[in-house]
Amino acid sequence: MGYNDFTDEQLNQVCEDAFVNIKEACMRLQEKTKCSNKVVIEMLNNVVEFYTSNTPESEN
């Protein structure tokens, strides 16, 4: 399913759900490892780089 297949309401819900899930995962990571926000930000930037490098040009 592509980005254009969602209604605005569906896309907003998907984004909200994803944000909550990612934030909770980051919080669990910090609880387990006692790592700083800087480490979490670096990890999230790595995820962005991964998805950016694996996104076909037609999706950009």
Protein backbone atom coordinates (compact mmCIF):
# COMPACT_ATOMS: atom_id res chain seq x y z
CA MET A 1 0.00 0.00 0.00
CA GLY A 2 1.47 3.32 -1.04
CA TYR A 3 1.26 6.72 0.60
CA ASN A 4 -1.48 7.83 -1.81
CA ASP A 5 -3.68 4.86 -0.87
CA PHE A 6 -4.46 6.35 2.57
CA THR A 7 -7.09 8.93 3.35
CA ASP A 8 -5.83 11.92 5.35
CA GLU A 9 -7.49 10.50 8.46
CA GLN A 10 -5.90 7.07 7.96
CA LEU A 11 -2.48 8.60 7.33
CA ASN A 12 -2.77 10.74 10.46
CA GLN A 13 -3.68 7.66 12.51
CA VAL A 14 -0.79 5.62 11.07
CA CYS A 15 1.65 8.45 11.81
CA GLU A 16 0.32 8.90 15.34
CA ASP A 17 0.51 5.16 16.04
CA ALA A 18 4.04 4.97 14.64
CA PHE A 19 5.19 7.93 16.72
CA VAL A 20 3.80 6.41 19.93
CA ASN A 21 5.36 3.00 19.17
CA ILE A 22 8.76 4.50 18.32
CA LYS A 23 8.73 6.76 21.39
CA GLU A 24 7.85 3.81 23.65
CA ALA A 25 10.62 1.71 22.10
CA CYS A 26 13.11 4.52 22.72
CA MET A 27 11.96 4.86 26.31
CA ARG A 28 12.35 1.09 26.89
CA LEU A 29 15.83 1.24 25.38
CA GLN A 30 16.78 4.08 27.72
CA GLU A 31 15.33 2.26 30.74
CA LYS A 32 17.31 -0.89 29.91
CA THR A 33 20.60 0.71 28.91
CA LYS A 34 20.52 4.08 30.73
CA CYS A 35 21.72 5.63 27.47
CA SER A 36 21.42 9.35 26.85
CA ASN A 37 19.05 11.15 24.52
CA LYS A 38 22.05 11.75 22.26
CA VAL A 39 22.45 7.99 21.76
CA VAL A 40 18.75 7.61 20.97
CA ILE A 41 18.92 10.48 18.47
CA GLU A 42 21.94 8.90 16.79
CA MET A 43 20.09 5.57 16.57
CA LEU A 44 17.02 7.25 15.07
CA ASN A 45 19.21 9.08 12.54
CA ASN A 46 20.67 5.70 11.55
CA VAL A 47 17.15 4.41 10.97
CA VAL A 48 16.39 7.45 8.80
CA GLU A 49 19.55 6.85 6.78
CA PHE A 50 18.63 3.19 6.35
CA TYR A 51 15.17 3.98 5.00
CA THR A 52 16.42 6.87 2.89
CA SER A 53 19.03 4.68 1.24
CA ASN A 54 16.48 1.93 0.57
CA THR A 55 13.77 4.17 -0.88
CA PRO A 56 13.38 4.08 -4.65
CA GLU A 57 13.75 7.46 -6.36
CA SER A 58 10.10 7.34 -7.46
CA GLU A 59 9.02 7.50 -3.79
CA ASN A 60 11.09 10.58 -2.90
